[in-house]
Protein backbone atom coordinates (compact mmCIF):
# COMPACT_ATOMS: atom_id res chain seq x y z
CA MET A 1 -99.72 -64.71 -90.71
CA GLU A 2 -99.52 -67.61 -88.27
CA VAL A 3 -97.02 -69.38 -90.49
CA THR A 4 -94.95 -66.26 -90.81
CA ALA A 5 -95.00 -65.77 -87.05
CA SER A 6 -93.98 -69.37 -86.53
CA GLU A 7 -91.10 -68.98 -88.97
CA ASP A 8 -89.98 -65.76 -87.27
CA GLN A 9 -90.13 -67.47 -83.89
CA SER A 10 -88.16 -70.40 -85.21
CA LYS A 11 -85.57 -68.09 -86.74
CA ALA A 12 -85.24 -66.15 -83.48
CA LYS A 13 -84.85 -69.42 -81.60
CA VAL A 14 -82.06 -70.51 -83.92
CA SER A 15 -80.36 -67.13 -83.53
CA GLU A 16 -80.52 -67.38 -79.72
CA GLN A 17 -79.05 -70.87 -79.82
CA THR A 18 -76.26 -69.67 -82.08
CA ILE A 19 -75.51 -66.74 -79.78
CA GLU A 20 -75.48 -69.02 -76.74
CA ASN A 21 -72.90 -71.21 -78.51
CA PRO A 22 -70.56 -68.71 -80.19
CA LEU A 23 -67.80 -71.31 -80.58
CA ASN A 24 -70.05 -73.39 -82.80
CA ASP A 25 -69.46 -72.35 -86.44
CA ASP A 26 -72.73 -73.94 -87.65
CA GLY A 27 -75.00 -71.29 -89.08
CA LEU A 28 -72.64 -68.35 -88.68
CA ASP A 29 -72.75 -67.62 -92.39
CA SER A 30 -76.52 -67.25 -92.25
CA LEU A 31 -76.53 -64.75 -89.38
CA SER A 32 -77.44 -61.16 -90.04
CA LYS A 33 -75.32 -58.20 -89.00
CA GLU A 34 -77.61 -57.59 -86.02
CA ASP A 35 -77.29 -61.23 -84.90
CA LEU A 36 -73.48 -61.05 -85.06
CA ILE A 37 -73.46 -57.85 -82.98
CA ARG A 38 -75.73 -59.49 -80.39
CA MET A 39 -73.44 -62.53 -80.32
CA ILE A 40 -70.33 -60.40 -79.71
CA ARG A 41 -72.06 -58.43 -76.98
CA SER A 42 -73.28 -61.61 -75.34
CA THR A 43 -69.78 -63.11 -75.41
CA ARG A 44 -68.27 -59.99 -73.85
CA SER A 45 -70.93 -59.95 -71.12
CA GLU A 46 -70.27 -63.61 -70.35
CA ASP A 47 -66.52 -62.98 -70.10
CA LYS A 48 -67.11 -60.06 -67.76
CA ARG A 49 -69.42 -62.16 -65.54
CA ARG A 50 -66.80 -64.93 -65.43
CA ARG A 51 -64.02 -62.53 -64.42
CA THR A 52 -66.19 -61.00 -61.72
CA LYS A 53 -67.07 -64.44 -60.39
CA ASP A 54 -63.41 -65.49 -60.28
CA ALA A 55 -62.48 -62.31 -58.46
CA ASN A 56 -65.24 -62.81 -55.89
CA ASN A 57 -64.14 -66.40 -55.30
CA THR A 58 -60.58 -65.26 -54.46
CA SER A 59 -60.11 -64.90 -50.72
CA PRO A 60 -58.09 -61.97 -49.29
CA SER A 61 -55.41 -64.37 -48.11
CA ASP A 62 -55.09 -65.88 -51.62
CA ALA A 63 -54.81 -62.42 -53.17
CA LYS A 64 -52.19 -61.39 -50.61
CA GLU A 65 -50.19 -64.57 -51.20
CA LYS A 66 -50.36 -64.08 -54.96
CA LYS A 67 -49.12 -60.49 -54.61
CA LYS A 68 -46.33 -61.65 -52.30
CA ARG A 69 -45.19 -64.30 -54.78
CA LYS A 70 -45.19 -61.78 -57.60
CA LYS A 71 -42.93 -59.37 -55.68
CA GLU A 72 -40.62 -62.01 -54.23
CA PHE A 73 -37.01 -60.92 -54.60
CA SER A 74 -33.81 -62.75 -53.70
CA MET A 75 -30.37 -61.16 -53.78
CA ASP A 76 -28.87 -64.64 -54.21
CA ASN A 77 -29.79 -64.34 -57.90
CA TYR A 78 -27.56 -61.30 -58.43
CA ASN A 79 -23.98 -60.20 -58.05
CA GLN A 80 -23.41 -57.47 -55.49
CA ARG A 81 -20.98 -54.62 -55.12
CA HIS A 82 -19.58 -52.99 -51.99
CA VAL A 83 -19.92 -49.24 -52.53
CA ALA A 84 -19.77 -45.92 -50.73
CA PHE A 85 -22.50 -43.32 -51.26
CA LYS A 86 -22.07 -39.61 -50.58
CA VAL A 87 -25.31 -38.19 -49.18
CA ILE A 88 -26.41 -34.61 -48.57
CA TYR A 89 -29.55 -33.55 -46.75
CA PHE A 90 -31.27 -30.51 -45.28
CA GLY A 91 -32.31 -31.62 -41.82
CA TRP A 92 -34.69 -28.84 -40.77
CA ASN A 93 -37.77 -31.05 -41.20
CA LEU A 94 -36.05 -34.33 -40.28
CA CYS A 95 -35.67 -36.03 -36.89
CA GLY A 96 -32.02 -36.85 -37.39
CA PHE A 97 -30.02 -39.25 -39.55
CA ALA A 98 -30.39 -42.55 -37.68
CA SER A 99 -33.56 -44.66 -37.91
CA GLN A 100 -35.98 -44.60 -34.99
CA GLU A 101 -38.64 -47.17 -34.15
CA THR A 102 -41.50 -44.71 -33.78
CA VAL A 103 -40.47 -42.01 -36.28
CA GLU A 104 -40.30 -42.17 -40.08
CA ALA A 105 -38.90 -38.67 -40.69
CA THR A 106 -35.24 -39.74 -40.60
CA VAL A 107 -32.64 -39.85 -43.34
CA GLU A 108 -31.99 -43.57 -42.91
CA HIS A 109 -35.70 -44.40 -43.11
CA HIS A 110 -35.99 -42.67 -46.48
CA LEU A 111 -32.70 -44.11 -47.76
CA PHE A 112 -33.65 -47.70 -47.01
CA LYS A 113 -37.14 -47.19 -48.36
CA ALA A 114 -35.61 -46.04 -51.66
CA LEU A 115 -32.99 -48.83 -51.70
CA LEU A 116 -35.66 -51.48 -51.14
CA LYS A 117 -38.04 -49.98 -53.70
CA SER A 118 -35.32 -49.99 -56.37
CA ARG A 119 -34.34 -53.51 -55.28
CA LEU A 120 -30.73 -52.60 -54.76
CA ILE A 121 -30.85 -54.46 -51.45
CA SER A 122 -33.08 -57.19 -50.01
CA SER A 123 -32.96 -55.95 -46.40
CA ARG A 124 -30.99 -53.67 -44.11
CA GLN A 125 -29.80 -56.63 -42.06
CA GLU A 126 -28.22 -58.40 -45.06
CA CYS A 127 -26.50 -55.52 -46.90
CA ASN A 128 -23.44 -54.95 -44.67
CA TYR A 129 -24.51 -51.36 -43.99
CA ASN A 130 -22.39 -48.82 -42.11
CA ARG A 131 -22.53 -45.03 -41.75
CA CYS A 132 -19.74 -42.51 -41.24
CA GLY A 133 -21.61 -40.77 -38.44
CA ARG A 134 -25.03 -39.50 -37.50
CA THR A 135 -26.64 -36.14 -36.91
CA ASP A 136 -29.38 -34.94 -34.57
CA LYS A 137 -32.79 -33.48 -35.31
CA GLY A 138 -32.64 -30.38 -37.50
CA VAL A 139 -28.98 -30.86 -38.47
CA SER A 140 -27.95 -30.88 -42.15
CA ALA A 141 -24.99 -32.56 -43.87
CA VAL A 142 -23.16 -32.00 -47.15
CA CYS A 143 -20.79 -34.98 -47.03
CA GLN A 144 -22.37 -37.87 -45.14
CA VAL A 145 -20.93 -41.22 -46.27
CA ILE A 146 -22.50 -44.68 -46.02
CA SER A 147 -21.16 -48.04 -47.20
CA LEU A 148 -23.14 -51.15 -48.10
CA ASN A 149 -23.55 -54.02 -50.56
CA VAL A 150 -25.92 -53.29 -53.46
CA ARG A 151 -27.12 -55.23 -56.48
CA SER A 152 -24.71 -55.12 -59.44
CA LYS A 153 -25.04 -56.05 -63.09
CA LEU A 154 -21.29 -56.57 -63.47
CA SER A 155 -19.24 -59.65 -62.59
CA SER A 156 -15.78 -58.15 -62.07
CA GLY A 157 -14.16 -55.07 -60.64
CA LEU A 158 -13.48 -53.44 -57.28
CA GLY A 159 -15.95 -54.45 -54.58
CA ILE A 160 -17.74 -57.09 -56.66
CA ILE A 161 -19.26 -59.99 -54.71
CA LEU A 162 -20.29 -62.84 -57.01
CA LYS A 163 -23.62 -64.60 -56.53
CA PRO A 164 -23.57 -68.15 -55.11
CA SER A 165 -24.37 -69.66 -58.53
CA ALA A 166 -21.47 -67.92 -60.31
CA THR A 167 -19.62 -70.10 -62.80
CA ALA A 168 -16.01 -71.21 -62.40
CA ASP A 169 -15.00 -68.90 -65.25
CA GLU A 170 -16.60 -65.92 -63.54
CA LYS A 171 -14.85 -66.73 -60.26
CA SER A 172 -11.44 -67.08 -61.90
CA SER A 173 -11.76 -64.12 -64.27
CA ASP A 174 -9.30 -61.24 -63.83
CA LYS A 175 -11.25 -58.96 -66.17
CA MET A 176 -12.00 -55.48 -64.83
CA GLU A 177 -15.30 -54.14 -66.13
CA ASP A 178 -15.85 -50.40 -66.46
CA VAL A 179 -17.92 -48.84 -63.65
CA GLU A 180 -19.57 -46.69 -66.32
CA ASP A 181 -21.51 -49.82 -67.30
CA GLU A 182 -22.81 -50.29 -63.76
CA ILE A 183 -26.39 -49.71 -62.60
CA LYS A 184 -27.25 -46.02 -62.44
CA TYR A 185 -27.37 -46.03 -58.66
CA ILE A 186 -27.77 -42.28 -58.11
CA ARG A 187 -30.70 -41.94 -60.51
CA SER A 188 -32.36 -45.07 -59.18
CA ILE A 189 -32.19 -44.02 -55.51
CA ASN A 190 -32.93 -40.30 -55.93
CA SER A 191 -36.12 -41.02 -57.86
CA SER A 192 -37.61 -42.38 -54.62
CA LEU A 193 -36.16 -39.88 -52.14
CA PRO A 194 -37.81 -36.71 -50.80
CA ALA A 195 -36.44 -33.44 -52.16
CA GLU A 196 -34.40 -32.64 -49.03
CA ILE A 197 -32.28 -35.82 -49.33
CA ARG A 198 -29.98 -36.64 -52.24
CA VAL A 199 -27.27 -39.15 -53.09
CA VAL A 200 -24.75 -37.06 -55.04
CA ALA A 201 -21.87 -39.50 -55.67
CA TRP A 202 -20.85 -43.14 -55.40
CA THR A 203 -17.68 -45.18 -55.75
CA PRO A 204 -16.78 -48.87 -55.57
CA VAL A 205 -14.71 -49.69 -52.50
CA PRO A 206 -12.85 -52.77 -51.18
CA VAL A 207 -15.12 -55.31 -49.51
CA ASP A 208 -13.53 -54.59 -46.12
CA PHE A 209 -14.19 -50.83 -46.33
CA ASP A 210 -16.34 -49.58 -43.45
CA ALA A 211 -17.84 -46.09 -43.61
CA ARG A 212 -17.55 -45.80 -39.84
CA PHE A 213 -14.21 -47.37 -38.97
CA SER A 214 -12.35 -46.60 -42.22
CA THR A 215 -13.01 -42.88 -41.85
CA MET A 216 -9.85 -40.74 -41.59
CA TYR A 217 -11.59 -37.78 -39.97
CA ARG A 218 -14.97 -36.09 -39.57
CA ALA A 219 -15.65 -32.38 -39.93
CA TYR A 220 -18.49 -30.56 -38.20
CA LYS A 221 -19.65 -26.97 -38.70
CA TYR A 222 -21.96 -25.17 -36.31
CA PHE A 223 -23.50 -21.86 -37.41
CA PHE A 224 -24.69 -19.28 -34.91
CA ILE A 225 -25.36 -15.54 -34.57
CA ARG A 226 -22.64 -13.58 -32.76
CA ARG A 227 -24.94 -11.53 -30.48
CA ASP A 228 -22.83 -10.51 -27.42
CA LEU A 229 -20.39 -13.45 -27.59
CA ASP A 230 -16.66 -12.80 -27.43
CA ILE A 231 -15.47 -14.76 -30.47
CA GLN A 232 -11.77 -14.16 -29.84
CA ARG A 233 -11.89 -15.55 -26.31
CA MET A 234 -13.98 -18.50 -27.47
CA GLU A 235 -11.43 -19.40 -30.13
CA LYS A 236 -8.55 -19.03 -27.67
CA ALA A 237 -10.28 -21.46 -25.31
CA SER A 238 -11.02 -23.92 -28.14
CA GLN A 239 -7.30 -24.40 -28.77
CA ARG A 240 -7.02 -26.26 -25.47
CA LEU A 241 -8.99 -29.12 -27.07
CA LEU A 242 -6.50 -29.68 -29.88
CA GLY A 243 -4.64 -32.98 -29.79
CA GLU A 244 -5.61 -36.32 -28.22
CA HIS A 245 -8.04 -36.48 -25.29
CA ASP A 246 -10.33 -38.98 -23.60
CA PHE A 247 -13.92 -37.99 -24.48
CA ARG A 248 -15.82 -40.79 -22.72
CA ASN A 249 -17.67 -38.25 -20.56
CA PHE A 250 -18.98 -36.50 -23.68
CA CYS A 251 -20.49 -39.51 -25.46
CA LYS A 252 -23.04 -42.26 -25.11
CA ILE A 253 -21.18 -45.42 -24.14
CA ASP A 254 -21.26 -48.13 -26.83
CA VAL A 255 -19.57 -51.07 -25.08
CA VAL A 256 -20.25 -53.41 -28.01
CA ASN A 257 -18.49 -51.44 -30.77
CA VAL A 258 -16.31 -48.90 -28.96
CA THR A 259 -13.62 -49.61 -26.38
CA ASN A 260 -11.33 -46.68 -27.10
CA PHE A 261 -12.54 -43.17 -26.25
CA ILE A 262 -9.35 -41.36 -27.20
CA ARG A 263 -9.94 -38.95 -30.07
CA LYS A 264 -7.69 -36.46 -31.78
CA ILE A 265 -8.92 -32.93 -32.56
CA LEU A 266 -7.11 -31.74 -35.68
CA GLU A 267 -8.73 -28.33 -36.02
CA PHE A 268 -10.98 -26.13 -33.91
CA SER A 269 -11.77 -22.67 -35.25
CA ILE A 270 -14.45 -20.03 -34.74
CA ARG A 271 -14.79 -17.39 -37.44
CA PRO A 272 -17.32 -14.99 -38.96
CA VAL A 273 -18.86 -16.58 -42.04
CA ASP A 274 -17.99 -13.49 -44.06
CA GLU A 275 -14.53 -12.51 -42.86
CA SER A 276 -14.21 -9.87 -45.58
CA LYS A 277 -16.69 -7.60 -43.78
CA ASN A 278 -14.27 -6.94 -40.88
CA SER A 279 -17.31 -6.40 -38.68
CA SER A 280 -18.21 -7.25 -35.10
CA SER A 281 -21.92 -6.65 -35.34
CA PRO A 282 -24.17 -8.73 -33.01
CA GLU A 283 -26.05 -9.79 -36.18
CA ASP A 284 -23.00 -11.39 -37.81
CA MET A 285 -23.28 -15.07 -38.66
CA CYS A 286 -20.37 -17.12 -37.30
CA VAL A 287 -19.22 -20.70 -37.85
CA MET A 288 -17.43 -23.09 -35.51
CA THR A 289 -15.47 -25.77 -37.36
CA ILE A 290 -14.26 -28.94 -35.63
CA LYS A 291 -12.18 -31.57 -37.43
């Protein structure tokens, strides 16, 4: 019995040594099924301990730096394209179109968040961004236009800006690639936008196109309930604003970008929304259109 016990102890000792050194092939053929299972479990446990130890030895600053390096993105590695996007939005729950330092519920905030997430731009400051106009809190738009440079997968065509490392052949090429082969901008941006904001169309534009200063005209519609207002007299008075006038007393002075305050009113009308009703009820919805 003592000999048997000694042999069993010796066998167990050999098995433990084999398990502790799983990379050593000596004696593997003589191991039982149970010994092999113990060896695999031991190896897995050792790997898990090692990974845990490595994770614990990584400082927060190292982890942050590693994450930063992984997400590093440079637009210099890509061609760009100057484009115009048509944007619609329902502004009831938004604080206006333009970005604000202390408020995130703006159209521009969500647009740039989506553009950065999809890596179509590297920053707002470097994308040559311009907007056609802006709206106040609660105001909606069905044809807002913005222009900017975005990442492109093409190397020729309207609005294309070649990357700094472009070859001589790419720079001298007169080939015009089909915009149908371009990045699916609308799908890419809309996937990261809230439901009340959507990009509905895009087009390539010349590199000198500016959504603000290239605009031919802007149209505004204001909806209101008639109540006891005299619509006919209001429209008669509105016709005095047609033509060119100096509107500096109606706007916030922008001495950096605007030196001319003369604007031309092309159209000013006030109508019931449903003119077919031929009604003058105080509950009628009316619309004032200014172009």
